[in-house]
Amino acid sequence: MSPHPFRLVLLAAALAASGCGAPPESVGEHLGLELVMEQAVADELGSFQVVVLPDGRSRRCVDLQRSCVQQQVKANEPLVIQDTAGKTGRALLFPTKLSEGVQELGVNIPVGRDYVVIIEALSRTSPPRFLGSSCNYLGAVSPRNDPLIAAPITLAAVDCDPTFPP
């Protein structure tokens, strides 16, 4: 399976009731992703971590969102993904750079079926703290995908280390 480029567009609102507007348009071979934060955590938010797991339908999002995904899966389980700068890993970190509530992320995900995409919100502290996550089933990755509307980030008061080993 070869990697397929996606553009993930994150719309992070400070409040759960914020309006999101229409879903991002799918442009060419990119996947749009819209994400809404549950509560005001913008001051604490330092980055987003993206992890893609195979066998998505066999996993329960409610369980994956209770704490850091790194503590719930084997180190070699997440798929190797790549950002637009060429960095690869089983988890990719994207510093928060919101511009009018929008952040674009470019990720190459291997072509395939039955994935779950987890987006974890991490604090700006060192080491980062887990603030919550969004869990999204992705039936298939192909050369052309419709936009994926991400589930809202569910906040969790869990003290865990979200970082994956290099």
C-alpha atoms as a PDB file:
ATOM      1  CA  MET A   1       0.000   0.000   0.000  1.00  0.00           C
ATOM      2  CA  SER A   2       1.407   3.353  -0.932  1.00  0.00           C
ATOM      3  CA  PRO A   3       0.847   6.500   1.127  1.00  0.00           C
ATOM      4  CA  HIS A   4      -1.859   8.860  -0.051  1.00  0.00           C
ATOM      5  CA  PRO A   5      -1.681  12.587   0.660  1.00  0.00           C
ATOM      6  CA  PHE A   6      -4.438  14.223   2.686  1.00  0.00           C
ATOM      7  CA  ARG A   7      -4.989  17.721   3.885  1.00  0.00           C
ATOM      8  CA  LEU A   8      -6.608  17.776   7.282  1.00  0.00           C
ATOM      9  CA  VAL A   9      -8.326  21.046   8.049  1.00  0.00           C
ATOM     10  CA  LEU A  10      -8.948  21.596  11.737  1.00  0.00           C
ATOM     11  CA  LEU A  11     -11.493  24.153  12.806  1.00  0.00           C
ATOM     12  CA  ALA A  12     -11.024  24.423  16.546  1.00  0.00           C
ATOM     13  CA  ALA A  13     -13.681  26.437  18.313  1.00  0.00           C
ATOM     14  CA  ALA A  14     -13.242  27.579  21.889  1.00  0.00           C
ATOM     15  CA  LEU A  15     -16.777  26.624  22.911  1.00  0.00           C
ATOM     16  CA  ALA A  16     -18.900  23.590  22.208  1.00  0.00           C
ATOM     17  CA  ALA A  17     -21.806  25.685  20.946  1.00  0.00           C
ATOM     18  CA  SER A  18     -19.717  27.538  18.371  1.00  0.00           C
ATOM     19  CA  GLY A  19     -20.956  27.394  14.793  1.00  0.00           C
ATOM     20  CA  CYS A  20     -18.838  25.409  12.406  1.00  0.00           C
ATOM     21  CA  GLY A  21     -20.198  26.426   9.034  1.00  0.00           C
ATOM     22  CA  ALA A  22     -20.191  24.049   6.115  1.00  0.00           C
ATOM     23  CA  PRO A  23     -17.759  21.142   5.914  1.00  0.00           C
ATOM     24  CA  PRO A  24     -14.509  21.876   4.083  1.00  0.00           C
ATOM     25  CA  GLU A  25     -14.595  21.233   0.359  1.00  0.00           C
ATOM     26  CA  SER A  26     -12.705  18.209  -0.919  1.00  0.00           C
ATOM     27  CA  VAL A  27     -10.002  19.467  -3.232  1.00  0.00           C
ATOM     28  CA  GLY A  28      -8.363  16.997  -5.584  1.00  0.00           C
ATOM     29  CA  GLU A  29      -6.852  14.147  -3.604  1.00  0.00           C
ATOM     30  CA  HIS A  30      -7.175  15.723  -0.156  1.00  0.00           C
ATOM     31  CA  LEU A  31      -9.374  14.806   2.766  1.00  0.00           C
ATOM     32  CA  GLY A  32     -10.958  17.648   4.711  1.00  0.00           C
ATOM     33  CA  LEU A  33     -11.345  17.231   8.453  1.00  0.00           C
ATOM     34  CA  GLU A  34     -13.380  19.537  10.661  1.00  0.00           C
ATOM     35  CA  LEU A  35     -12.824  19.396  14.421  1.00  0.00           C
ATOM     36  CA  VAL A  36     -14.685  21.216  17.197  1.00  0.00           C
ATOM     37  CA  MET A  37     -13.386  21.533  20.755  1.00  0.00           C
ATOM     38  CA  GLU A  38     -15.867  20.748  23.568  1.00  0.00           C
ATOM     39  CA  GLN A  39     -14.823  23.483  26.008  1.00  0.00           C
ATOM     40  CA  ALA A  40     -12.543  26.481  26.236  1.00  0.00           C
ATOM     41  CA  VAL A  41      -9.037  25.004  26.312  1.00  0.00           C
ATOM     42  CA  ALA A  42      -7.419  27.284  23.775  1.00  0.00           C
ATOM     43  CA  ASP A  43      -5.027  28.765  26.358  1.00  0.00           C
ATOM     44  CA  GLU A  44      -3.747  25.301  27.285  1.00  0.00           C
ATOM     45  CA  LEU A  45      -3.692  23.820  23.783  1.00  0.00           C
ATOM     46  CA  GLY A  46      -0.185  23.368  22.416  1.00  0.00           C
ATOM     47  CA  SER A  47      -0.500  20.790  19.658  1.00  0.00           C
ATOM     48  CA  PHE A  48      -2.553  18.106  17.977  1.00  0.00           C
ATOM     49  CA  GLN A  49      -1.279  14.548  17.678  1.00  0.00           C
ATOM     50  CA  VAL A  50      -2.620  12.431  14.814  1.00  0.00           C
ATOM     51  CA  VAL A  51      -2.594   8.626  15.050  1.00  0.00           C
ATOM     52  CA  VAL A  52      -4.123   6.172  12.551  1.00  0.00           C
ATOM     53  CA  LEU A  53      -4.965   2.634  13.661  1.00  0.00           C
ATOM     54  CA  PRO A  54      -5.880  -0.339  11.436  1.00  0.00           C
ATOM     55  CA  ASP A  55      -8.923  -2.550  12.103  1.00  0.00           C
ATOM     56  CA  GLY A  56     -11.002   0.492  12.949  1.00  0.00           C
ATOM     57  CA  ARG A  57     -14.385  -1.216  13.319  1.00  0.00           C
ATOM     58  CA  SER A  58     -12.984  -3.651  15.886  1.00  0.00           C
ATOM     59  CA  ARG A  59     -12.087  -0.709  18.147  1.00  0.00           C
ATOM     60  CA  ARG A  60     -14.377   1.247  20.440  1.00  0.00           C
ATOM     61  CA  CYS A  61     -13.910   5.004  20.214  1.00  0.00           C
ATOM     62  CA  VAL A  62     -15.370   5.536  23.672  1.00  0.00           C
ATOM     63  CA  ASP A  63     -12.546   3.407  25.113  1.00  0.00           C
ATOM     64  CA  LEU A  64      -9.828   5.037  22.987  1.00  0.00           C
ATOM     65  CA  GLN A  65     -10.904   8.516  24.131  1.00  0.00           C
ATOM     66  CA  ARG A  66     -10.696   7.802  27.870  1.00  0.00           C
ATOM     67  CA  SER A  67      -6.928   8.320  28.007  1.00  0.00           C
ATOM     68  CA  CYS A  68      -3.802   8.537  25.873  1.00  0.00           C
ATOM     69  CA  VAL A  69      -3.980   6.168  22.923  1.00  0.00           C
ATOM     70  CA  GLN A  70      -0.257   5.465  23.365  1.00  0.00           C
ATOM     71  CA  GLN A  71      -1.066   3.577  26.584  1.00  0.00           C
ATOM     72  CA  GLN A  72      -3.816   1.525  24.938  1.00  0.00           C
ATOM     73  CA  VAL A  73      -2.084   0.115  21.863  1.00  0.00           C
ATOM     74  CA  LYS A  74       1.118  -1.785  21.157  1.00  0.00           C
ATOM     75  CA  ALA A  75       3.992   0.420  19.931  1.00  0.00           C
ATOM     76  CA  ASN A  76       3.888  -1.094  16.422  1.00  0.00           C
ATOM     77  CA  GLU A  77       0.075  -0.967  15.992  1.00  0.00           C
ATOM     78  CA  PRO A  78      -0.383   2.574  14.622  1.00  0.00           C
ATOM     79  CA  LEU A  79       0.219   2.969  10.904  1.00  0.00           C
ATOM     80  CA  VAL A  80       3.302   4.896   9.805  1.00  0.00           C
ATOM     81  CA  ILE A  81       2.098   8.220   8.437  1.00  0.00           C
ATOM     82  CA  GLN A  82       3.982  11.179   6.973  1.00  0.00           C
ATOM     83  CA  ASP A  83       3.554  14.953   7.179  1.00  0.00           C
ATOM     84  CA  THR A  84       4.057  17.342   4.265  1.00  0.00           C
ATOM     85  CA  ALA A  85       7.630  18.067   5.355  1.00  0.00           C
ATOM     86  CA  GLY A  86       8.505  14.384   4.974  1.00  0.00           C
ATOM     87  CA  LYS A  87       8.617  13.496   8.670  1.00  0.00           C
ATOM     88  CA  THR A  88       7.281  10.005   9.328  1.00  0.00           C
ATOM     89  CA  GLY A  89       6.079   8.314  12.471  1.00  0.00           C
ATOM     90  CA  ARG A  90       3.352   6.307  14.096  1.00  0.00           C
ATOM     91  CA  ALA A  91       2.132   9.560  15.627  1.00  0.00           C
ATOM     92  CA  LEU A  92       2.611  13.039  14.166  1.00  0.00           C
ATOM     93  CA  LEU A  93       2.588  16.237  16.210  1.00  0.00           C
ATOM     94  CA  PHE A  94       1.292  19.476  14.735  1.00  0.00           C
ATOM     95  CA  PRO A  95       1.849  22.652  16.767  1.00  0.00           C
ATOM     96  CA  THR A  96      -1.285  24.715  17.199  1.00  0.00           C
ATOM     97  CA  LYS A  97      -1.218  27.530  14.648  1.00  0.00           C
ATOM     98  CA  LEU A  98      -4.818  28.623  14.459  1.00  0.00           C
ATOM     99  CA  SER A  99      -5.573  31.368  11.973  1.00  0.00           C
ATOM    100  CA  GLU A 100      -9.128  32.606  12.443  1.00  0.00           C
ATOM    101  CA  GLY A 101      -9.980  29.277  14.045  1.00  0.00           C
ATOM    102  CA  VAL A 102      -8.554  27.193  11.180  1.00  0.00           C
ATOM    103  CA  GLN A 103      -5.485  24.991  11.111  1.00  0.00           C
ATOM    104  CA  GLU A 104      -4.430  22.919   8.120  1.00  0.00           C
ATOM    105  CA  LEU A 105      -2.507  19.687   8.521  1.00  0.00           C
ATOM    106  CA  GLY A 106      -1.050  17.665   5.686  1.00  0.00           C
ATOM    107  CA  VAL A 107      -0.802  13.918   6.314  1.00  0.00           C
ATOM    108  CA  ASN A 108      -0.004  10.977   4.040  1.00  0.00           C
ATOM    109  CA  ILE A 109      -2.044   7.933   5.083  1.00  0.00           C
ATOM    110  CA  PRO A 110      -1.543   4.541   3.421  1.00  0.00           C
ATOM    111  CA  VAL A 111      -4.260   3.548   0.954  1.00  0.00           C
ATOM    112  CA  GLY A 112      -6.463   0.973   2.634  1.00  0.00           C
ATOM    113  CA  ARG A 113      -9.680   0.195   4.473  1.00  0.00           C
ATOM    114  CA  ASP A 114     -11.106   0.205   7.976  1.00  0.00           C
ATOM    115  CA  TYR A 115      -9.037   2.758   9.864  1.00  0.00           C
ATOM    116  CA  VAL A 116      -9.683   4.822  12.940  1.00  0.00           C
ATOM    117  CA  VAL A 117      -8.142   8.317  13.037  1.00  0.00           C
ATOM    118  CA  ILE A 118      -7.450   9.668  16.505  1.00  0.00           C
ATOM    119  CA  ILE A 119      -6.658  13.332  17.044  1.00  0.00           C
ATOM    120  CA  GLU A 120      -5.380  14.081  20.517  1.00  0.00           C
ATOM    121  CA  ALA A 121      -5.277  17.596  21.936  1.00  0.00           C
ATOM    122  CA  LEU A 122      -2.057  18.093  23.905  1.00  0.00           C
ATOM    123  CA  SER A 123      -1.144  20.826  26.352  1.00  0.00           C
ATOM    124  CA  ARG A 124       1.609  23.332  25.765  1.00  0.00           C
ATOM    125  CA  THR A 125       3.403  22.205  28.959  1.00  0.00           C
ATOM    126  CA  SER A 126       6.590  20.184  28.951  1.00  0.00           C
ATOM    127  CA  PRO A 127       6.082  17.284  28.967  1.00  0.00           C
ATOM    128  CA  PRO A 128       2.727  17.668  27.215  1.00  0.00           C
ATOM    129  CA  ARG A 129      -0.453  16.544  28.963  1.00  0.00           C
ATOM    130  CA  PHE A 130      -3.388  14.791  27.350  1.00  0.00           C
ATOM    131  CA  LEU A 131      -6.357  17.194  27.134  1.00  0.00           C
ATOM    132  CA  GLY A 132      -8.747  14.968  25.187  1.00  0.00           C
ATOM    133  CA  SER A 133      -9.270  13.371  21.818  1.00  0.00           C
ATOM    134  CA  SER A 134     -11.435  12.904  18.773  1.00  0.00           C
ATOM    135  CA  CYS A 135     -11.976   9.416  17.380  1.00  0.00           C
ATOM    136  CA  ASN A 136     -13.142   8.967  13.789  1.00  0.00           C
ATOM    137  CA  TYR A 137     -13.824   5.854  11.739  1.00  0.00           C
ATOM    138  CA  LEU A 138     -12.467   6.026   8.200  1.00  0.00           C
ATOM    139  CA  GLY A 139     -13.906   3.291   5.994  1.00  0.00           C
ATOM    140  CA  ALA A 140     -11.441   3.672   3.138  1.00  0.00           C
ATOM    141  CA  VAL A 141      -8.507   5.750   1.959  1.00  0.00           C
ATOM    142  CA  SER A 142      -8.343   6.049  -1.809  1.00  0.00           C
ATOM    143  CA  PRO A 143      -7.155   8.559  -4.408  1.00  0.00           C
ATOM    144  CA  ARG A 144     -10.448  10.469  -3.912  1.00  0.00           C
ATOM    145  CA  ASN A 145     -12.203  10.893  -0.579  1.00  0.00           C
ATOM    146  CA  ASP A 146     -15.156  12.923   0.619  1.00  0.00           C
ATOM    147  CA  PRO A 147     -14.474  15.276   3.514  1.00  0.00           C
ATOM    148  CA  LEU A 148     -14.403  13.621   6.925  1.00  0.00           C
ATOM    149  CA  ILE A 149     -16.201  15.546   9.652  1.00  0.00           C
ATOM    150  CA  ALA A 150     -14.315  14.721  12.840  1.00  0.00           C
ATOM    151  CA  ALA A 151     -16.112  13.924  16.050  1.00  0.00           C
ATOM    152  CA  PRO A 152     -15.800  16.669  18.683  1.00  0.00           C
ATOM    153  CA  ILE A 153     -12.821  16.399  21.010  1.00  0.00           C
ATOM    154  CA  THR A 154     -13.927  14.771  24.232  1.00  0.00           C
ATOM    155  CA  LEU A 155     -12.076  16.300  27.141  1.00  0.00           C
ATOM    156  CA  ALA A 156     -10.665  13.939  29.748  1.00  0.00           C
ATOM    157  CA  ALA A 157      -9.068  14.730  33.072  1.00  0.00           C
ATOM    158  CA  VAL A 158      -6.486  11.974  32.740  1.00  0.00           C
ATOM    159  CA  ASP A 159      -2.856  12.226  33.733  1.00  0.00           C
ATOM    160  CA  CYS A 160      -1.042  10.236  31.058  1.00  0.00           C
ATOM    161  CA  ASP A 161       1.933  10.683  28.756  1.00  0.00           C
ATOM    162  CA  PRO A 162       0.603  10.999  25.171  1.00  0.00           C
ATOM    163  CA  THR A 163       3.994  10.847  23.441  1.00  0.00           C
ATOM    164  CA  PHE A 164       4.927   7.900  21.234  1.00  0.00           C
ATOM    165  CA  PRO A 165       8.510   6.623  21.068  1.00  0.00           C
ATOM    166  CA  PRO A 166      10.376   7.767  17.916  1.00  0.00           C
END
